[in-house]
Amino acid sequence: MSAFDEDLTGIVALTLRLGGQAEELTDLALRAMETGDPALAEDAAARRARLTGFARSATASAAFVLALRQPMAADLRLVLAALRMIPALERTGELAANIAARGAELRRAGACADGRGAAASASAGPDDPDLALRRFGGRALSQLSMALSAHQARDAARARAVWRRDAALDAHFSSLLDSLVAGMAERPQDVARFAQRLFLAKDLERIGDQARRIAAASWWMQSGREIDEAPPFPEPDAD
């Protein structure tokens, strides 16, 4: 393997490693939001700092290859796609750390009990706002995981399918917002808690946006087309 090929392989490995870190951090954030464990929120903050440093190293490596190796065609797209993905993954880490801190505090403040005590929280029904938040968070994490999996497999069709699924995630987000706003109107004594839930929902939706950007970059790297152009091959389901 030539030094140039080793550089390209290294960029791919760095990007995938960064993606794994962002995925793990998002999962950690959801657990912090569910349990209220302050140790999980602290762990998320530490992981976010490490992820940020790693992202900077990955960016420097990609810039080095771009400047000194002068890649062309598919090799050039590989490097430029990494430079598209790295900021999206770094932003995912920032959002996840914010979710962990805010979500854990909300849980500890008794928001998951919805003002009715711990027993009500333990037996939350389908209309419970915190259960709805966790479900939406799981969907955002799934979107991120699928985007990273499609990129690792170098499956452009799957990447495009993930990108298309963002519309369904946006629809879910709109429905969740409507539900939270209605909850604020019904229980004005809990407005502060519902406001925190709105912030959490928006950050989770933004993680979905980053997954969409990753999928778009992966598609472009492999197809040479921007994702809003007609695909040159059939699209499978993203699942």
Protein backbone atom coordinates (compact mmCIF):
# COMPACT_ATOMS: atom_id res chain seq x y z
CA MET A 1 0.00 0.00 0.00
CA SER A 2 1.38 3.40 -0.97
CA ALA A 3 1.75 6.26 1.49
CA PHE A 4 -1.10 8.05 -0.29
CA ASP A 5 -3.40 5.04 0.08
CA GLU A 6 -2.46 4.81 3.74
CA ASP A 7 -3.39 8.46 4.18
CA LEU A 8 -6.80 7.89 2.59
CA THR A 9 -7.41 4.78 4.68
CA GLY A 10 -6.46 6.77 7.75
CA ILE A 11 -8.98 9.50 6.96
CA VAL A 12 -11.75 6.93 6.59
CA ALA A 13 -10.76 5.28 9.88
CA LEU A 14 -10.64 8.62 11.71
CA THR A 15 -14.06 9.62 10.41
CA LEU A 16 -15.63 6.30 11.39
CA ARG A 17 -14.02 6.46 14.82
CA LEU A 18 -15.36 9.96 15.33
CA GLY A 19 -18.77 8.73 14.23
CA GLY A 20 -18.65 5.95 16.79
CA GLN A 21 -17.80 8.45 19.51
CA ALA A 22 -20.71 10.69 18.51
CA GLU A 23 -23.09 7.73 18.45
CA GLU A 24 -21.97 6.53 21.90
CA LEU A 25 -22.27 10.04 23.30
CA THR A 26 -25.81 10.39 21.96
CA ASP A 27 -26.80 7.08 23.54
CA LEU A 28 -25.26 8.24 26.82
CA ALA A 29 -27.25 11.47 26.64
CA LEU A 30 -30.50 9.56 26.26
CA ARG A 31 -29.67 7.44 29.29
CA ALA A 32 -28.86 10.57 31.31
CA MET A 33 -32.18 12.07 30.24
CA GLU A 34 -34.03 8.93 31.32
CA THR A 35 -32.29 8.28 34.64
CA GLY A 36 -31.24 11.73 35.82
CA ASP A 37 -27.89 10.29 36.86
CA PRO A 38 -25.49 13.25 37.28
CA ALA A 39 -22.52 10.94 36.71
CA LEU A 40 -23.79 10.23 33.19
CA ALA A 41 -24.11 13.94 32.47
CA GLU A 42 -20.56 14.51 33.73
CA ASP A 43 -19.30 11.62 31.59
CA ALA A 44 -21.05 13.15 28.58
CA ALA A 45 -19.29 16.48 29.15
CA ALA A 46 -15.90 14.77 29.37
CA ARG A 47 -16.58 12.71 26.25
CA ARG A 48 -17.66 15.81 24.38
CA ALA A 49 -14.32 17.47 25.18
CA ARG A 50 -12.42 14.43 23.91
CA LEU A 51 -14.58 14.26 20.80
CA THR A 52 -13.89 17.92 20.03
CA GLY A 53 -10.15 17.37 20.27
CA PHE A 54 -10.35 14.28 18.10
CA ALA A 55 -12.41 16.15 15.51
CA ARG A 56 -9.74 18.82 15.26
CA SER A 57 -7.07 16.16 14.72
CA ALA A 58 -9.19 14.50 12.04
CA THR A 59 -9.71 17.83 10.28
CA ALA A 60 -5.97 18.51 10.33
CA SER A 61 -5.25 15.07 8.85
CA ALA A 62 -7.75 15.59 6.04
CA ALA A 63 -6.39 19.07 5.33
CA PHE A 64 -2.85 17.65 5.18
CA VAL A 65 -3.85 15.10 2.55
CA LEU A 66 -5.77 17.70 0.59
CA ALA A 67 -2.87 20.15 0.54
CA LEU A 68 0.10 17.86 0.07
CA ARG A 69 -1.25 14.81 -1.76
CA GLN A 70 -3.53 16.73 -4.12
CA PRO A 71 -6.05 13.89 -4.57
CA MET A 72 -8.27 13.78 -7.63
CA ALA A 73 -11.66 12.38 -8.64
CA ALA A 74 -12.98 9.76 -6.17
CA ASP A 75 -10.03 10.26 -3.83
CA LEU A 76 -10.72 13.98 -3.69
CA ARG A 77 -14.38 13.34 -2.90
CA LEU A 78 -13.36 11.01 -0.07
CA VAL A 79 -11.30 13.74 1.58
CA LEU A 80 -13.87 16.47 1.01
CA ALA A 81 -16.67 14.22 2.29
CA ALA A 82 -14.70 13.70 5.50
CA LEU A 83 -14.37 17.47 5.84
CA ARG A 84 -18.16 17.70 5.50
CA MET A 85 -18.83 14.97 8.04
CA ILE A 86 -16.39 15.96 10.76
CA PRO A 87 -18.18 19.24 11.70
CA ALA A 88 -21.53 17.41 11.70
CA LEU A 89 -20.15 14.77 14.06
CA GLU A 90 -18.56 17.39 16.29
CA ARG A 91 -21.87 19.26 16.44
CA THR A 92 -23.63 16.01 17.31
CA GLY A 93 -21.32 15.65 20.29
CA GLU A 94 -22.08 19.19 21.44
CA LEU A 95 -25.81 18.62 21.18
CA ALA A 96 -25.60 15.29 22.99
CA ALA A 97 -23.66 16.82 25.88
CA ASN A 98 -26.27 19.58 26.16
CA ILE A 99 -29.06 16.99 26.15
CA ALA A 100 -27.34 14.97 28.86
CA ALA A 101 -26.95 17.98 31.16
CA ARG A 102 -30.41 19.44 30.59
CA GLY A 103 -32.18 16.09 30.54
CA ALA A 104 -30.55 14.82 33.72
CA GLU A 105 -31.42 18.03 35.56
CA LEU A 106 -35.00 17.88 34.32
CA ARG A 107 -35.35 14.32 35.51
CA ARG A 108 -33.87 15.10 38.91
CA ALA A 109 -36.24 18.04 39.26
CA GLY A 110 -39.13 15.63 39.00
CA ALA A 111 -40.25 16.52 35.49
CA CYS A 112 -40.60 12.89 34.49
CA ALA A 113 -43.13 12.52 37.28
CA ASP A 114 -45.09 15.25 35.51
CA GLY A 115 -45.99 16.84 38.83
CA ARG A 116 -47.74 13.71 40.12
CA GLY A 117 -45.03 11.92 42.09
CA ALA A 118 -42.52 9.14 41.49
CA ALA A 119 -45.16 6.42 41.20
CA ALA A 120 -46.78 8.18 38.27
CA SER A 121 -43.41 8.46 36.59
CA ALA A 122 -42.76 4.75 36.95
CA SER A 123 -46.09 3.91 35.32
CA ALA A 124 -46.02 6.60 32.64
CA GLY A 125 -48.72 6.23 30.03
CA PRO A 126 -48.46 6.73 26.26
CA ASP A 127 -49.24 10.45 26.61
CA ASP A 128 -46.45 11.10 29.11
CA PRO A 129 -44.33 13.96 27.69
CA ASP A 130 -41.04 12.51 28.89
CA LEU A 131 -41.80 9.13 27.40
CA ALA A 132 -42.60 10.90 24.13
CA LEU A 133 -39.26 12.72 24.33
CA ARG A 134 -37.35 9.49 24.90
CA ARG A 135 -39.05 7.84 21.96
CA PHE A 136 -38.17 10.76 19.73
CA GLY A 137 -34.61 10.64 21.02
CA GLY A 138 -34.39 6.96 20.17
CA ARG A 139 -35.52 7.74 16.66
CA ALA A 140 -32.91 10.47 16.26
CA LEU A 141 -30.20 8.10 17.49
CA SER A 142 -31.41 5.45 15.06
CA GLN A 143 -31.15 7.96 12.23
CA LEU A 144 -27.56 8.74 13.20
CA SER A 145 -26.68 5.05 13.48
CA MET A 146 -28.13 4.28 10.06
CA ALA A 147 -26.26 7.15 8.43
CA LEU A 148 -22.96 5.98 9.90
CA SER A 149 -23.66 2.36 8.99
CA ALA A 150 -24.44 3.31 5.39
CA HIS A 151 -21.21 5.27 5.17
CA GLN A 152 -19.12 2.49 6.69
CA ALA A 153 -20.60 0.04 4.17
CA ARG A 154 -20.06 2.56 1.36
CA ASP A 155 -23.67 2.00 0.38
CA ALA A 156 -24.77 5.14 -1.42
CA ALA A 157 -28.33 3.94 -1.92
CA ARG A 158 -28.77 3.33 1.79
CA ALA A 159 -27.27 6.74 2.53
CA ARG A 160 -29.84 8.38 0.29
CA ALA A 161 -32.63 6.37 1.92
CA VAL A 162 -31.50 7.63 5.34
CA TRP A 163 -31.46 11.18 4.00
CA ARG A 164 -35.03 10.79 2.77
CA ARG A 165 -36.17 9.52 6.17
CA ASP A 166 -35.34 12.89 7.70
CA ALA A 167 -38.71 14.16 6.49
CA ALA A 168 -40.45 11.60 8.72
CA LEU A 169 -38.28 12.65 11.66
CA ASP A 170 -39.23 16.28 11.04
CA ALA A 171 -42.91 15.32 11.01
CA HIS A 172 -42.45 13.49 14.31
CA PHE A 173 -40.75 16.58 15.72
CA SER A 174 -43.63 18.82 14.67
CA SER A 175 -46.12 16.46 16.31
CA LEU A 176 -44.05 16.37 19.49
CA LEU A 177 -43.87 20.16 19.60
CA ASP A 178 -47.64 20.41 19.24
CA SER A 179 -48.05 17.98 22.12
CA LEU A 180 -45.63 19.86 24.36
CA VAL A 181 -47.21 23.23 23.63
CA ALA A 182 -50.63 21.75 24.40
CA GLY A 183 -49.23 20.44 27.68
CA MET A 184 -48.04 23.92 28.59
CA ALA A 185 -51.53 25.28 28.01
CA GLU A 186 -53.17 22.52 30.03
CA ARG A 187 -50.76 22.72 32.99
CA PRO A 188 -49.52 26.30 33.33
CA GLN A 189 -47.94 25.43 36.69
CA ASP A 190 -45.47 23.25 34.76
CA VAL A 191 -44.57 25.78 32.05
CA ALA A 192 -40.89 25.85 33.06
CA ARG A 193 -40.60 22.09 32.76
CA PHE A 194 -42.34 22.03 29.41
CA ALA A 195 -40.00 24.77 28.18
CA GLN A 196 -37.04 22.54 29.07
CA ARG A 197 -38.67 19.70 27.16
CA LEU A 198 -39.00 21.96 24.13
CA PHE A 199 -35.27 22.70 24.25
CA LEU A 200 -34.51 18.98 24.51
CA ALA A 201 -36.77 18.16 21.58
CA LYS A 202 -35.08 20.78 19.42
CA ASP A 203 -31.59 19.49 20.24
CA LEU A 204 -32.68 15.94 19.42
CA GLU A 205 -34.10 17.14 16.12
CA ARG A 206 -30.79 18.83 15.37
CA ILE A 207 -29.00 15.52 15.87
CA GLY A 208 -31.28 14.18 13.16
CA ASP A 209 -30.19 17.09 10.97
CA GLN A 210 -26.55 16.12 11.46
CA ALA A 211 -27.37 12.54 10.47
CA ARG A 212 -28.95 13.89 7.30
CA ARG A 213 -25.78 15.85 6.51
CA ILE A 214 -23.64 12.77 7.07
CA ALA A 215 -25.84 10.73 4.74
CA ALA A 216 -25.71 13.47 2.10
CA ALA A 217 -21.90 13.62 2.26
CA SER A 218 -21.64 9.84 2.01
CA TRP A 219 -23.92 9.79 -1.02
CA TRP A 220 -21.92 12.53 -2.72
CA MET A 221 -18.61 10.81 -1.99
CA GLN A 222 -19.73 7.63 -3.70
CA SER A 223 -21.96 8.89 -6.51
CA GLY A 224 -20.36 12.21 -7.42
CA ARG A 225 -23.82 13.81 -7.31
CA GLU A 226 -25.45 16.09 -4.82
CA ILE A 227 -28.20 14.21 -3.07
CA ASP A 228 -31.09 16.23 -4.47
CA GLU A 229 -30.25 14.99 -7.96
CA ALA A 230 -31.85 11.86 -9.37
CA PRO A 231 -30.03 8.76 -8.08
CA PRO A 232 -28.33 6.56 -10.70
CA PHE A 233 -29.41 3.30 -9.02
CA PRO A 234 -32.40 1.94 -7.03
CA GLU A 235 -32.88 2.87 -3.39
CA PRO A 236 -33.47 0.17 -0.75
CA ASP A 237 -35.19 0.75 2.55
CA ALA A 238 -32.91 2.34 5.14
CA ASP A 239 -33.70 -0.29 7.78
